[in-house]
Amino acid sequence: MRLTVSCLSQLPEQHRAHTALILQATPLPDQALFYLATFNDRAVALAWRQHERLGFIAVRDLTRRRGIGSELLRQVRQEAKAAGLTRLECDPAQAPEAEREGLTAFLQGQGFRPREGVLSCCLYE
């Protein structure tokens, strides 16, 4: 099977167990657009966006370094651009301390640059 990324207003119950492994105790927001990446009907990555803010992005540790995060972020960018946004921002300080350095490196590798205390990317470059 292939990787599927879905944009959802809430996470399906059948994926709650796998998303818990991705979240690592990070609480879900009450309202956001959720981006769930699945492979073989198992959740392997999750992100959410609230307006121009990327509040969370993570790939399950067993499936990292396979392009899943890049594809997930591509979908988030595409949806944000379609919603009329011009910029996407993320604050790696919101991630668990052990994940911050890796998240920062990933986002910078995807074109995010430091701007006013957060990492930011223009959606029209």
PDB file of N, CA and C in Angstrom:
ATOM      1  N   MET A   1       0.837  -1.188   0.000  1.00  0.00           N
ATOM      2  CA  MET A   1       0.000   0.000   0.000  1.00  0.00           C
ATOM      3  C   MET A   1       0.879   1.247   0.000  1.00  0.00           C
ATOM      4  N   ARG A   2       0.259   2.361  -0.264  1.00  0.00           N
ATOM      5  CA  ARG A   2       1.009   3.603  -0.312  1.00  0.00           C
ATOM      6  C   ARG A   2       0.628   4.512   0.847  1.00  0.00           C
ATOM      7  N   LEU A   3       1.436   5.511   1.030  1.00  0.00           N
ATOM      8  CA  LEU A   3       1.203   6.492   2.078  1.00  0.00           C
ATOM      9  C   LEU A   3       0.007   7.356   1.698  1.00  0.00           C
ATOM     10  N   THR A   4      -0.874   7.580   2.648  1.00  0.00           N
ATOM     11  CA  THR A   4      -2.036   8.430   2.446  1.00  0.00           C
ATOM     12  C   THR A   4      -2.020   9.521   3.499  1.00  0.00           C
ATOM     13  N   VAL A   5      -2.220  10.763   3.091  1.00  0.00           N
ATOM     14  CA  VAL A   5      -2.331  11.876   4.030  1.00  0.00           C
ATOM     15  C   VAL A   5      -3.748  12.420   3.927  1.00  0.00           C
ATOM     16  N   SER A   6      -4.432  12.465   5.054  1.00  0.00           N
ATOM     17  CA  SER A   6      -5.810  12.950   5.110  1.00  0.00           C
ATOM     18  C   SER A   6      -5.880  14.202   5.962  1.00  0.00           C
ATOM     19  N   CYS A   7      -6.660  15.167   5.516  1.00  0.00           N
ATOM     20  CA  CYS A   7      -6.925  16.383   6.284  1.00  0.00           C
ATOM     21  C   CYS A   7      -8.270  16.185   6.969  1.00  0.00           C
ATOM     22  N   LEU A   8      -8.299  16.288   8.294  1.00  0.00           N
ATOM     23  CA  LEU A   8      -9.478  15.948   9.081  1.00  0.00           C
ATOM     24  C   LEU A   8      -9.774  17.016  10.129  1.00  0.00           C
ATOM     25  N   SER A   9     -11.044  17.125  10.515  1.00  0.00           N
ATOM     26  CA  SER A   9     -11.405  18.036  11.599  1.00  0.00           C
ATOM     27  C   SER A   9     -11.284  17.347  12.956  1.00  0.00           C
ATOM     28  N   GLN A  10     -11.263  16.021  12.958  1.00  0.00           N
ATOM     29  CA  GLN A  10     -11.005  15.255  14.174  1.00  0.00           C
ATOM     30  C   GLN A  10     -10.381  13.925  13.787  1.00  0.00           C
ATOM     31  N   LEU A  11      -9.675  13.315  14.728  1.00  0.00           N
ATOM     32  CA  LEU A  11      -8.994  12.063  14.433  1.00  0.00           C
ATOM     33  C   LEU A  11      -9.953  10.886  14.568  1.00  0.00           C
ATOM     34  N   PRO A  12      -9.920   9.964  13.609  1.00  0.00           N
ATOM     35  CA  PRO A  12     -10.793   8.792  13.688  1.00  0.00           C
ATOM     36  C   PRO A  12     -10.432   7.907  14.882  1.00  0.00           C
ATOM     37  N   GLU A  13     -11.423   7.323  15.488  1.00  0.00           N
ATOM     38  CA  GLU A  13     -11.225   6.473  16.657  1.00  0.00           C
ATOM     39  C   GLU A  13     -10.288   5.301  16.357  1.00  0.00           C
ATOM     40  N   GLN A  14     -10.374   4.727  15.157  1.00  0.00           N
ATOM     41  CA  GLN A  14      -9.550   3.558  14.841  1.00  0.00           C
ATOM     42  C   GLN A  14      -8.058   3.873  14.806  1.00  0.00           C
ATOM     43  N   HIS A  15      -7.688   5.154  14.749  1.00  0.00           N
ATOM     44  CA  HIS A  15      -6.272   5.526  14.720  1.00  0.00           C
ATOM     45  C   HIS A  15      -5.782   6.089  16.056  1.00  0.00           C
ATOM     46  N   ARG A  16      -6.613   6.098  17.056  1.00  0.00           N
ATOM     47  CA  ARG A  16      -6.223   6.694  18.347  1.00  0.00           C
ATOM     48  C   ARG A  16      -5.025   5.999  18.992  1.00  0.00           C
ATOM     49  N   ALA A  17      -4.956   4.679  18.933  1.00  0.00           N
ATOM     50  CA  ALA A  17      -3.844   3.961  19.569  1.00  0.00           C
ATOM     51  C   ALA A  17      -2.513   4.323  18.910  1.00  0.00           C
ATOM     52  N   HIS A  18      -2.486   4.361  17.577  1.00  0.00           N
ATOM     53  CA  HIS A  18      -1.239   4.690  16.891  1.00  0.00           C
ATOM     54  C   HIS A  18      -0.886   6.173  17.039  1.00  0.00           C
ATOM     55  N   THR A  19      -1.893   7.041  17.044  1.00  0.00           N
ATOM     56  CA  THR A  19      -1.581   8.464  17.212  1.00  0.00           C
ATOM     57  C   THR A  19      -1.060   8.739  18.617  1.00  0.00           C
ATOM     58  N   ALA A  20      -1.481   7.960  19.595  1.00  0.00           N
ATOM     59  CA  ALA A  20      -0.945   8.126  20.955  1.00  0.00           C
ATOM     60  C   ALA A  20       0.561   7.869  20.973  1.00  0.00           C
ATOM     61  N   LEU A  21       1.021   6.921  20.161  1.00  0.00           N
ATOM     62  CA  LEU A  21       2.459   6.656  20.069  1.00  0.00           C
ATOM     63  C   LEU A  21       3.197   7.825  19.419  1.00  0.00           C
ATOM     64  N   ILE A  22       2.551   8.489  18.488  1.00  0.00           N
ATOM     65  CA  ILE A  22       3.155   9.646  17.820  1.00  0.00           C
ATOM     66  C   ILE A  22       3.151  10.858  18.751  1.00  0.00           C
ATOM     67  N   LEU A  23       2.050  11.056  19.463  1.00  0.00           N
ATOM     68  CA  LEU A  23       1.888  12.237  20.312  1.00  0.00           C
ATOM     69  C   LEU A  23       2.817  12.246  21.515  1.00  0.00           C
ATOM     70  N   GLN A  24       3.169  11.104  22.035  1.00  0.00           N
ATOM     71  CA  GLN A  24       4.036  11.016  23.216  1.00  0.00           C
ATOM     72  C   GLN A  24       3.559  11.953  24.322  1.00  0.00           C
ATOM     73  N   ALA A  25       2.283  11.850  24.675  1.00  0.00           N
ATOM     74  CA  ALA A  25       1.650  12.612  25.759  1.00  0.00           C
ATOM     75  C   ALA A  25       1.375  14.080  25.417  1.00  0.00           C
ATOM     76  N   THR A  26       1.606  14.514  24.184  1.00  0.00           N
ATOM     77  CA  THR A  26       1.239  15.861  23.768  1.00  0.00           C
ATOM     78  C   THR A  26      -0.284  15.908  23.630  1.00  0.00           C
ATOM     79  N   PRO A  27      -0.940  16.848  24.298  1.00  0.00           N
ATOM     80  CA  PRO A  27      -2.400  16.896  24.203  1.00  0.00           C
ATOM     81  C   PRO A  27      -2.870  17.416  22.839  1.00  0.00           C
ATOM     82  N   LEU A  28      -3.996  16.893  22.393  1.00  0.00           N
ATOM     83  CA  LEU A  28      -4.605  17.370  21.150  1.00  0.00           C
ATOM     84  C   LEU A  28      -5.339  18.678  21.407  1.00  0.00           C
ATOM     85  N   PRO A  29      -5.297  19.610  20.478  1.00  0.00           N
ATOM     86  CA  PRO A  29      -6.071  20.846  20.643  1.00  0.00           C
ATOM     87  C   PRO A  29      -7.560  20.558  20.434  1.00  0.00           C
ATOM     88  N   ASP A  30      -8.399  21.422  20.974  1.00  0.00           N
ATOM     89  CA  ASP A  30      -9.841  21.258  20.793  1.00  0.00           C
ATOM     90  C   ASP A  30     -10.242  21.471  19.340  1.00  0.00           C
ATOM     91  N   GLN A  31      -9.633  22.469  18.707  1.00  0.00           N
ATOM     92  CA  GLN A  31      -9.962  22.761  17.318  1.00  0.00           C
ATOM     93  C   GLN A  31      -8.688  22.974  16.515  1.00  0.00           C
ATOM     94  N   ALA A  32      -8.603  22.269  15.397  1.00  0.00           N
ATOM     95  CA  ALA A  32      -7.474  22.398  14.482  1.00  0.00           C
ATOM     96  C   ALA A  32      -7.802  21.579  13.245  1.00  0.00           C
ATOM     97  N   LEU A  33      -7.018  21.779  12.213  1.00  0.00           N
ATOM     98  CA  LEU A  33      -7.054  20.887  11.066  1.00  0.00           C
ATOM     99  C   LEU A  33      -5.969  19.852  11.301  1.00  0.00           C
ATOM    100  N   PHE A  34      -6.348  18.593  11.337  1.00  0.00           N
ATOM    101  CA  PHE A  34      -5.411  17.512  11.584  1.00  0.00           C
ATOM    102  C   PHE A  34      -4.999  16.890  10.258  1.00  0.00           C
ATOM    103  N   TYR A  35      -3.736  16.573  10.138  1.00  0.00           N
ATOM    104  CA  TYR A  35      -3.195  15.909   8.964  1.00  0.00           C
ATOM    105  C   TYR A  35      -2.640  14.576   9.442  1.00  0.00           C
ATOM    106  N   LEU A  36      -3.275  13.504   9.021  1.00  0.00           N
ATOM    107  CA  LEU A  36      -2.911  12.171   9.471  1.00  0.00           C
ATOM    108  C   LEU A  36      -2.330  11.389   8.299  1.00  0.00           C
ATOM    109  N   ALA A  37      -1.107  10.919   8.461  1.00  0.00           N
ATOM    110  CA  ALA A  37      -0.471  10.081   7.446  1.00  0.00           C
ATOM    111  C   ALA A  37      -0.611   8.632   7.878  1.00  0.00           C
ATOM    112  N   THR A  38      -1.141   7.823   6.976  1.00  0.00           N
ATOM    113  CA  THR A  38      -1.306   6.401   7.277  1.00  0.00           C
ATOM    114  C   THR A  38      -0.596   5.566   6.223  1.00  0.00           C
ATOM    115  N   PHE A  39      -0.127   4.408   6.657  1.00  0.00           N
ATOM    116  CA  PHE A  39       0.490   3.431   5.779  1.00  0.00           C
ATOM    117  C   PHE A  39       0.005   2.074   6.238  1.00  0.00           C
ATOM    118  N   ASN A  40      -0.545   1.295   5.320  1.00  0.00           N
ATOM    119  CA  ASN A  40      -1.149   0.006   5.679  1.00  0.00           C
ATOM    120  C   ASN A  40      -2.175   0.168   6.796  1.00  0.00           C
ATOM    121  N   ASP A  41      -2.960   1.235   6.708  1.00  0.00           N
ATOM    122  CA  ASP A  41      -4.028   1.546   7.658  1.00  0.00           C
ATOM    123  C   ASP A  41      -3.541   1.767   9.087  1.00  0.00           C
ATOM    124  N   ARG A  42      -2.284   2.136   9.234  1.00  0.00           N
ATOM    125  CA  ARG A  42      -1.733   2.489  10.550  1.00  0.00           C
ATOM    126  C   ARG A  42      -1.241   3.929  10.498  1.00  0.00           C
ATOM    127  N   ALA A  43      -1.545   4.681  11.528  1.00  0.00           N
ATOM    128  CA  ALA A  43      -1.073   6.065  11.601  1.00  0.00           C
ATOM    129  C   ALA A  43       0.438   6.068  11.802  1.00  0.00           C
ATOM    130  N   VAL A  44       1.148   6.780  10.929  1.00  0.00           N
ATOM    131  CA  VAL A  44       2.606   6.849  11.019  1.00  0.00           C
ATOM    132  C   VAL A  44       3.109   8.266  11.245  1.00  0.00           C
ATOM    133  N   ALA A  45       2.245   9.267  11.044  1.00  0.00           N
ATOM    134  CA  ALA A  45       2.649  10.657  11.251  1.00  0.00           C
ATOM    135  C   ALA A  45       1.405  11.504  11.471  1.00  0.00           C
ATOM    136  N   LEU A  46       1.600  12.605  12.168  1.00  0.00           N
ATOM    137  CA  LEU A  46       0.490  13.485  12.508  1.00  0.00           C
ATOM    138  C   LEU A  46       0.987  14.922  12.550  1.00  0.00           C
ATOM    139  N   ALA A  47       0.155  15.823  12.084  1.00  0.00           N
ATOM    140  CA  ALA A  47       0.417  17.258  12.200  1.00  0.00           C
ATOM    141  C   ALA A  47      -0.917  17.940  12.422  1.00  0.00           C
ATOM    142  N   TRP A  48      -0.875  19.153  12.954  1.00  0.00           N
ATOM    143  CA  TRP A  48      -2.083  19.959  12.972  1.00  0.00           C
ATOM    144  C   TRP A  48      -1.733  21.412  12.750  1.00  0.00           C
ATOM    145  N   ARG A  49      -2.711  22.091  12.176  1.00  0.00           N
ATOM    146  CA  ARG A  49      -2.546  23.499  11.837  1.00  0.00           C
ATOM    147  C   ARG A  49      -3.724  24.275  12.383  1.00  0.00           C
ATOM    148  N   GLN A  50      -3.410  25.396  12.987  1.00  0.00           N
ATOM    149  CA  GLN A  50      -4.421  26.348  13.441  1.00  0.00           C
ATOM    150  C   GLN A  50      -4.081  27.675  12.765  1.00  0.00           C
ATOM    151  N   HIS A  51      -4.852  27.984  11.720  1.00  0.00           N
ATOM    152  CA  HIS A  51      -4.602  29.138  10.858  1.00  0.00           C
ATOM    153  C   HIS A  51      -3.205  29.013  10.253  1.00  0.00           C
ATOM    154  N   GLU A  52      -2.314  30.008  10.465  1.00  0.00           N
ATOM    155  CA  GLU A  52      -0.983  29.942   9.864  1.00  0.00           C
ATOM    156  C   GLU A  52       0.035  29.261  10.770  1.00  0.00           C
ATOM    157  N   ARG A  53      -0.410  28.723  11.873  1.00  0.00           N
ATOM    158  CA  ARG A  53       0.495  28.111  12.846  1.00  0.00           C
ATOM    159  C   ARG A  53       0.478  26.585  12.743  1.00  0.00           C
ATOM    160  N   LEU A  54       1.626  26.030  12.458  1.00  0.00           N
ATOM    161  CA  LEU A  54       1.805  24.585  12.500  1.00  0.00           C
ATOM    162  C   LEU A  54       2.065  24.245  13.960  1.00  0.00           C
ATOM    163  N   GLY A  55       1.052  23.723  14.624  1.00  0.00           N
ATOM    164  CA  GLY A  55       1.146  23.493  16.062  1.00  0.00           C
ATOM    165  C   GLY A  55       1.879  22.232  16.443  1.00  0.00           C
ATOM    166  N   PHE A  56       1.947  21.279  15.517  1.00  0.00           N
ATOM    167  CA  PHE A  56       2.558  19.994  15.833  1.00  0.00           C
ATOM    168  C   PHE A  56       2.849  19.269  14.541  1.00  0.00           C
ATOM    169  N   ILE A  57       3.986  18.595  14.491  1.00  0.00           N
ATOM    170  CA  ILE A  57       4.291  17.677  13.400  1.00  0.00           C
ATOM    171  C   ILE A  57       5.257  16.640  13.954  1.00  0.00           C
ATOM    172  N   ALA A  58       4.922  15.372  13.743  1.00  0.00           N
ATOM    173  CA  ALA A  58       5.791  14.297  14.218  1.00  0.00           C
ATOM    174  C   ALA A  58       5.545  13.044  13.393  1.00  0.00           C
ATOM    175  N   VAL A  59       6.610  12.286  13.217  1.00  0.00           N
ATOM    176  CA  VAL A  59       6.560  10.999  12.538  1.00  0.00           C
ATOM    177  C   VAL A  59       6.915   9.948  13.577  1.00  0.00           C
ATOM    178  N   ARG A  60       6.181   8.858  13.559  1.00  0.00           N
ATOM    179  CA  ARG A  60       6.456   7.782  14.508  1.00  0.00           C
ATOM    180  C   ARG A  60       7.905   7.338  14.355  1.00  0.00           C
ATOM    181  N   ASP A  61       8.587   7.145  15.463  1.00  0.00           N
ATOM    182  CA  ASP A  61      10.018   6.874  15.448  1.00  0.00           C
ATOM    183  C   ASP A  61      10.411   5.685  14.576  1.00  0.00           C
ATOM    184  N   LEU A  62       9.582   4.675  14.477  1.00  0.00           N
ATOM    185  CA  LEU A  62       9.898   3.487  13.670  1.00  0.00           C
ATOM    186  C   LEU A  62       9.888   3.759  12.168  1.00  0.00           C
ATOM    187  N   THR A  63       9.262   4.857  11.759  1.00  0.00           N
ATOM    188  CA  THR A  63       9.116   5.126  10.322  1.00  0.00           C
ATOM    189  C   THR A  63       9.807   6.410   9.872  1.00  0.00           C
ATOM    190  N   ARG A  64      10.682   6.933  10.670  1.00  0.00           N
ATOM    191  CA  ARG A  64      11.387   8.159  10.294  1.00  0.00           C
ATOM    192  C   ARG A  64      12.421   7.899   9.206  1.00  0.00           C
ATOM    193  N   ARG A  65      12.804   8.982   8.530  1.00  0.00           N
ATOM    194  CA  ARG A  65      13.825   8.980   7.475  1.00  0.00           C
ATOM    195  C   ARG A  65      13.380   8.214   6.230  1.00  0.00           C
ATOM    196  N   ARG A  66      12.084   8.301   5.939  1.00  0.00           N
ATOM    197  CA  ARG A  66      11.545   7.651   4.741  1.00  0.00           C
ATOM    198  C   ARG A  66      10.728   8.627   3.888  1.00  0.00           C
ATOM    199  N   GLY A  67      10.815   9.916   4.199  1.00  0.00           N
ATOM    200  CA  GLY A  67      10.105  10.926   3.423  1.00  0.00           C
ATOM    201  C   GLY A  67       8.684  11.189   3.888  1.00  0.00           C
ATOM    202  N   ILE A  68       8.267  10.542   4.958  1.00  0.00           N
ATOM    203  CA  ILE A  68       6.894  10.706   5.437  1.00  0.00           C
ATOM    204  C   ILE A  68       6.673  12.128   5.951  1.00  0.00           C
ATOM    205  N   GLY A  69       7.601  12.648   6.735  1.00  0.00           N
ATOM    206  CA  GLY A  69       7.469  14.015   7.257  1.00  0.00           C
ATOM    207  C   GLY A  69       7.442  15.039   6.142  1.00  0.00           C
ATOM    208  N   SER A  70       8.264  14.838   5.135  1.00  0.00           N
ATOM    209  CA  SER A  70       8.291  15.760   3.986  1.00  0.00           C
ATOM    210  C   SER A  70       6.960  15.745   3.250  1.00  0.00           C
ATOM    211  N   GLU A  71       6.402  14.562   3.047  1.00  0.00           N
ATOM    212  CA  GLU A  71       5.117  14.461   2.357  1.00  0.00           C
ATOM    213  C   GLU A  71       4.000  15.066   3.203  1.00  0.00           C
ATOM    214  N   LEU A  72       4.041  14.823   4.488  1.00  0.00           N
ATOM    215  CA  LEU A  72       3.038  15.393   5.396  1.00  0.00           C
ATOM    216  C   LEU A  72       3.103  16.923   5.357  1.00  0.00           C
ATOM    217  N   LEU A  73       4.294  17.473   5.446  1.00  0.00           N
ATOM    218  CA  LEU A  73       4.453  18.924   5.414  1.00  0.00           C
ATOM    219  C   LEU A  73       4.061  19.492   4.052  1.00  0.00           C
ATOM    220  N   ARG A  74       4.327  18.777   2.978  1.00  0.00           N
ATOM    221  CA  ARG A  74       3.911  19.225   1.643  1.00  0.00           C
ATOM    222  C   ARG A  74       2.396  19.368   1.593  1.00  0.00           C
ATOM    223  N   GLN A  75       1.700  18.405   2.164  1.00  0.00           N
ATOM    224  CA  GLN A  75       0.235  18.456   2.181  1.00  0.00           C
ATOM    225  C   GLN A  75      -0.272  19.619   3.049  1.00  0.00           C
ATOM    226  N   VAL A  76       0.356  19.827   4.199  1.00  0.00           N
ATOM    227  CA  VAL A  76      -0.029  20.948   5.066  1.00  0.00           C
ATOM    228  C   VAL A  76       0.158  22.263   4.315  1.00  0.00           C
ATOM    229  N   ARG A  77       1.291  22.419   3.649  1.00  0.00           N
ATOM    230  CA  ARG A  77       1.555  23.641   2.886  1.00  0.00           C
ATOM    231  C   ARG A  77       0.531  23.844   1.775  1.00  0.00           C
ATOM    232  N   GLN A  78       0.242  22.790   1.059  1.00  0.00           N
ATOM    233  CA  GLN A  78      -0.720  22.869  -0.041  1.00  0.00           C
ATOM    234  C   GLN A  78      -2.092  23.299   0.469  1.00  0.00           C
ATOM    235  N   GLU A  79      -2.554  22.710   1.549  1.00  0.00           N
ATOM    236  CA  GLU A  79      -3.862  23.055   2.115  1.00  0.00           C
ATOM    237  C   GLU A  79      -3.865  24.486   2.658  1.00  0.00           C
ATOM    238  N   ALA A  80      -2.771  24.899   3.290  1.00  0.00           N
ATOM    239  CA  ALA A  80      -2.684  26.254   3.827  1.00  0.00           C
ATOM    240  C   ALA A  80      -2.721  27.285   2.697  1.00  0.00           C
ATOM    241  N   LYS A  81      -2.010  26.992   1.626  1.00  0.00           N
ATOM    242  CA  LYS A  81      -2.003  27.889   0.463  1.00  0.00           C
ATOM    243  C   LYS A  81      -3.393  27.966  -0.158  1.00  0.00           C
ATOM    244  N   ALA A  82      -4.072  26.824  -0.263  1.00  0.00           N
ATOM    245  CA  ALA A  82      -5.432  26.797  -0.817  1.00  0.00           C
ATOM    246  C   ALA A  82      -6.412  27.566   0.066  1.00  0.00           C
ATOM    247  N   ALA A  83      -6.116  27.644   1.360  1.00  0.00           N
ATOM    248  CA  ALA A  83      -6.956  28.394   2.292  1.00  0.00           C
ATOM    249  C   ALA A  83      -6.659  29.892   2.249  1.00  0.00           C
ATOM    250  N   GLY A  84      -5.705  30.302   1.398  1.00  0.00           N
ATOM    251  CA  GLY A  84      -5.393  31.721   1.249  1.00  0.00           C
ATOM    252  C   GLY A  84      -4.292  32.231   2.152  1.00  0.00           C
ATOM    253  N   LEU A  85      -3.617  31.339   2.856  1.00  0.00           N
ATOM    254  CA  LEU A  85      -2.523  31.774   3.724  1.00  0.00           C
ATOM    255  C   LEU A  85      -1.268  32.036   2.902  1.00  0.00           C
ATOM    256  N   THR A  86      -0.438  32.945   3.363  1.00  0.00           N
ATOM    257  CA  THR A  86       0.799  33.268   2.659  1.00  0.00           C
ATOM    258  C   THR A  86       2.028  32.780   3.411  1.00  0.00           C
ATOM    259  N   ARG A  87       1.852  32.410   4.667  1.00  0.00           N
ATOM    260  CA  ARG A  87       2.975  32.048   5.534  1.00  0.00           C
ATOM    261  C   ARG A  87       2.544  30.928   6.463  1.00  0.00           C
ATOM    262  N   LEU A  88       3.515  30.114   6.856  1.00  0.00           N
ATOM    263  CA  LEU A  88       3.298  29.056   7.831  1.00  0.00           C
ATOM    264  C   LEU A  88       4.395  29.187   8.877  1.00  0.00           C
ATOM    265  N   GLU A  89       4.027  29.113  10.151  1.00  0.00           N
ATOM    266  CA  GLU A  89       4.992  29.279  11.238  1.00  0.00           C
ATOM    267  C   GLU A  89       4.930  28.100  12.188  1.00  0.00           C
ATOM    268  N   CYS A  90       6.069  27.802  12.818  1.00  0.00           N
ATOM    269  CA  CYS A  90       6.144  26.739  13.802  1.00  0.00           C
ATOM    270  C   CYS A  90       7.145  27.131  14.879  1.00  0.00           C
ATOM    271  N   ASP A  91       6.816  26.841  16.120  1.00  0.00           N
ATOM    272  CA  ASP A  91       7.709  27.111  17.237  1.00  0.00           C
ATOM    273  C   ASP A  91       8.222  25.776  17.777  1.00  0.00           C
ATOM    274  N   PRO A  92       9.448  25.387  17.427  1.00  0.00           N
ATOM    275  CA  PRO A  92       9.987  24.112  17.901  1.00  0.00           C
ATOM    276  C   PRO A  92      10.081  24.017  19.425  1.00  0.00           C
ATOM    277  N   ALA A  93      10.047  25.142  20.121  1.00  0.00           N
ATOM    278  CA  ALA A  93      10.095  25.116  21.581  1.00  0.00           C
ATOM    279  C   ALA A  93       8.868  24.424  22.173  1.00  0.00           C
ATOM    280  N   GLN A  94       7.809  24.284  21.386  1.00  0.00           N
ATOM    281  CA  GLN A  94       6.601  23.592  21.852  1.00  0.00           C
ATOM    282  C   GLN A  94       6.788  22.077  21.849  1.00  0.00           C
ATOM    283  N   ALA A  95       7.788  21.577  21.132  1.00  0.00           N
ATOM    284  CA  ALA A  95       8.052  20.132  21.054  1.00  0.00           C
ATOM    285  C   ALA A  95       8.733  19.656  22.328  1.00  0.00           C
ATOM    286  N   PRO A  96       8.628  18.367  22.623  1.00  0.00           N
ATOM    287  CA  PRO A  96       9.389  17.829  23.759  1.00  0.00           C
ATOM    288  C   PRO A  96      10.871  18.143  23.596  1.00  0.00           C
ATOM    289  N   GLU A  97      11.544  18.411  24.684  1.00  0.00           N
ATOM    290  CA  GLU A  97      12.935  18.857  24.625  1.00  0.00           C
ATOM    291  C   GLU A  97      13.823  17.914  23.813  1.00  0.00           C
ATOM    292  N   ALA A  98      13.623  16.630  23.937  1.00  0.00           N
ATOM    293  CA  ALA A  98      14.449  15.660  23.215  1.00  0.00           C
ATOM    294  C   ALA A  98      14.232  15.716  21.701  1.00  0.00           C
ATOM    295  N   GLU A  99      13.128  16.301  21.252  1.00  0.00           N
ATOM    296  CA  GLU A  99      12.793  16.349  19.832  1.00  0.00           C
ATOM    297  C   GLU A  99      13.088  17.703  19.187  1.00  0.00           C
ATOM    298  N   ARG A 100      13.377  18.739  19.964  1.00  0.00           N
ATOM    299  CA  ARG A 100      13.502  20.100  19.429  1.00  0.00           C
ATOM    300  C   ARG A 100      14.591  20.256  18.384  1.00  0.00           C
ATOM    301  N   GLU A 101      15.755  19.733  18.660  1.00  0.00           N
ATOM    302  CA  GLU A 101      16.870  19.892  17.721  1.00  0.00           C
ATOM    303  C   GLU A 101      16.553  19.219  16.389  1.00  0.00           C
ATOM    304  N   GLY A 102      16.024  18.008  16.439  1.00  0.00           N
ATOM    305  CA  GLY A 102      15.668  17.298  15.210  1.00  0.00           C
ATOM    306  C   GLY A 102      14.554  17.987  14.449  1.00  0.00           C
ATOM    307  N   LEU A 103      13.549  18.496  15.178  1.00  0.00           N
ATOM    308  CA  LEU A 103      12.447  19.210  14.529  1.00  0.00           C
ATOM    309  C   LEU A 103      12.944  20.484  13.865  1.00  0.00           C
ATOM    310  N   THR A 104      13.796  21.211  14.549  1.00  0.00           N
ATOM    311  CA  THR A 104      14.354  22.439  13.978  1.00  0.00           C
ATOM    312  C   THR A 104      15.138  22.131  12.705  1.00  0.00           C
ATOM    313  N   ALA A 105      15.969  21.111  12.748  1.00  0.00           N
ATOM    314  CA  ALA A 105      16.763  20.740  11.567  1.00  0.00           C
ATOM    315  C   ALA A 105      15.845  20.307  10.421  1.00  0.00           C
ATOM    316  N   PHE A 106      14.815  19.525  10.718  1.00  0.00           N
ATOM    317  CA  PHE A 106      13.877  19.087   9.682  1.00  0.00           C
ATOM    318  C   PHE A 106      13.188  20.285   9.041  1.00  0.00           C
ATOM    319  N   LEU A 107      12.638  21.185   9.874  1.00  0.00           N
ATOM    320  CA  LEU A 107      11.913  22.340   9.339  1.00  0.00           C
ATOM    321  C   LEU A 107      12.830  23.250   8.525  1.00  0.00           C
ATOM    322  N   GLN A 108      14.048  23.475   8.998  1.00  0.00           N
ATOM    323  CA  GLN A 108      14.973  24.301   8.230  1.00  0.00           C
ATOM    324  C   GLN A 108      15.341  23.629   6.917  1.00  0.00           C
ATOM    325  N   GLY A 109      15.445  22.313   6.913  1.00  0.00           N
ATOM    326  CA  GLY A 109      15.694  21.584   5.684  1.00  0.00           C
ATOM    327  C   GLY A 109      14.527  21.671   4.705  1.00  0.00           C
ATOM    328  N   GLN A 110      13.348  21.981   5.231  1.00  0.00           N
ATOM    329  CA  GLN A 110      12.142  22.124   4.416  1.00  0.00           C
ATOM    330  C   GLN A 110      11.855  23.583   4.061  1.00  0.00           C
ATOM    331  N   GLY A 111      12.807  24.469   4.339  1.00  0.00           N
ATOM    332  CA  GLY A 111      12.672  25.865   3.919  1.00  0.00           C
ATOM    333  C   GLY A 111      12.197  26.837   4.982  1.00  0.00           C
ATOM    334  N   PHE A 112      12.014  26.396   6.216  1.00  0.00           N
ATOM    335  CA  PHE A 112      11.632  27.305   7.291  1.00  0.00           C
ATOM    336  C   PHE A 112      12.867  28.066   7.753  1.00  0.00           C
ATOM    337  N   ARG A 113      12.677  29.348   8.058  1.00  0.00           N
ATOM    338  CA  ARG A 113      13.778  30.202   8.500  1.00  0.00           C
ATOM    339  C   ARG A 113      13.373  30.929   9.783  1.00  0.00           C
ATOM    340  N   PRO A 114      14.356  31.244  10.642  1.00  0.00           N
ATOM    341  CA  PRO A 114      14.030  31.982  11.873  1.00  0.00           C
ATOM    342  C   PRO A 114      13.407  33.337  11.552  1.00  0.00           C
ATOM    343  N   ARG A 115      12.334  33.661  12.275  1.00  0.00           N
ATOM    344  CA  ARG A 115      11.645  34.940  12.086  1.00  0.00           C
ATOM    345  C   ARG A 115      10.865  35.256  13.352  1.00  0.00           C
ATOM    346  N   GLU A 116      11.237  36.295  14.025  1.00  0.00           N
ATOM    347  CA  GLU A 116      10.530  36.780  15.211  1.00  0.00           C
ATOM    348  C   GLU A 116      10.293  35.676  16.244  1.00  0.00           C
ATOM    349  N   GLY A 117      11.325  34.898  16.546  1.00  0.00           N
ATOM    350  CA  GLY A 117      11.247  33.895  17.594  1.00  0.00           C
ATOM    351  C   GLY A 117      10.629  32.563  17.190  1.00  0.00           C
ATOM    352  N   VAL A 118      10.236  32.409  15.940  1.00  0.00           N
ATOM    353  CA  VAL A 118       9.687  31.145  15.448  1.00  0.00           C
ATOM    354  C   VAL A 118      10.350  30.808  14.116  1.00  0.00           C
ATOM    355  N   LEU A 119      10.075  29.627  13.613  1.00  0.00           N
ATOM    356  CA  LEU A 119      10.506  29.285  12.270  1.00  0.00           C
ATOM    357  C   LEU A 119       9.341  29.539  11.336  1.00  0.00           C
ATOM    358  N   SER A 120       9.621  30.108  10.182  1.00  0.00           N
ATOM    359  CA  SER A 120       8.566  30.549   9.279  1.00  0.00           C
ATOM    360  C   SER A 120       8.947  30.239   7.843  1.00  0.00           C
ATOM    361  N   CYS A 121       7.935  29.960   7.025  1.00  0.00           N
ATOM    362  CA  CYS A 121       8.190  29.786   5.598  1.00  0.00           C
ATOM    363  C   CYS A 121       7.102  30.499   4.816  1.00  0.00           C
ATOM    364  N   CYS A 122       7.495  31.034   3.692  1.00  0.00           N
ATOM    365  CA  CYS A 122       6.564  31.686   2.785  1.00  0.00           C
ATOM    366  C   CYS A 122       5.975  30.608   1.874  1.00  0.00           C
ATOM    367  N   LEU A 123       4.681  30.615   1.688  1.00  0.00           N
ATOM    368  CA  LEU A 123       4.020  29.597   0.886  1.00  0.00           C
ATOM    369  C   LEU A 123       4.063  29.898  -0.604  1.00  0.00           C
ATOM    370  N   TYR A 124       4.584  31.071  -0.978  1.00  0.00           N
ATOM    371  CA  TYR A 124       4.603  31.451  -2.395  1.00  0.00           C
ATOM    372  C   TYR A 124       6.009  31.598  -2.957  1.00  0.00           C
ATOM    373  N   GLU A 125       6.969  30.952  -2.365  1.00  0.00           N
ATOM    374  CA  GLU A 125       8.353  31.028  -2.886  1.00  0.00           C
ATOM    375  C   GLU A 125       8.601  29.920  -3.855  1.00  0.00           C
TER     376      GLU A 125
END
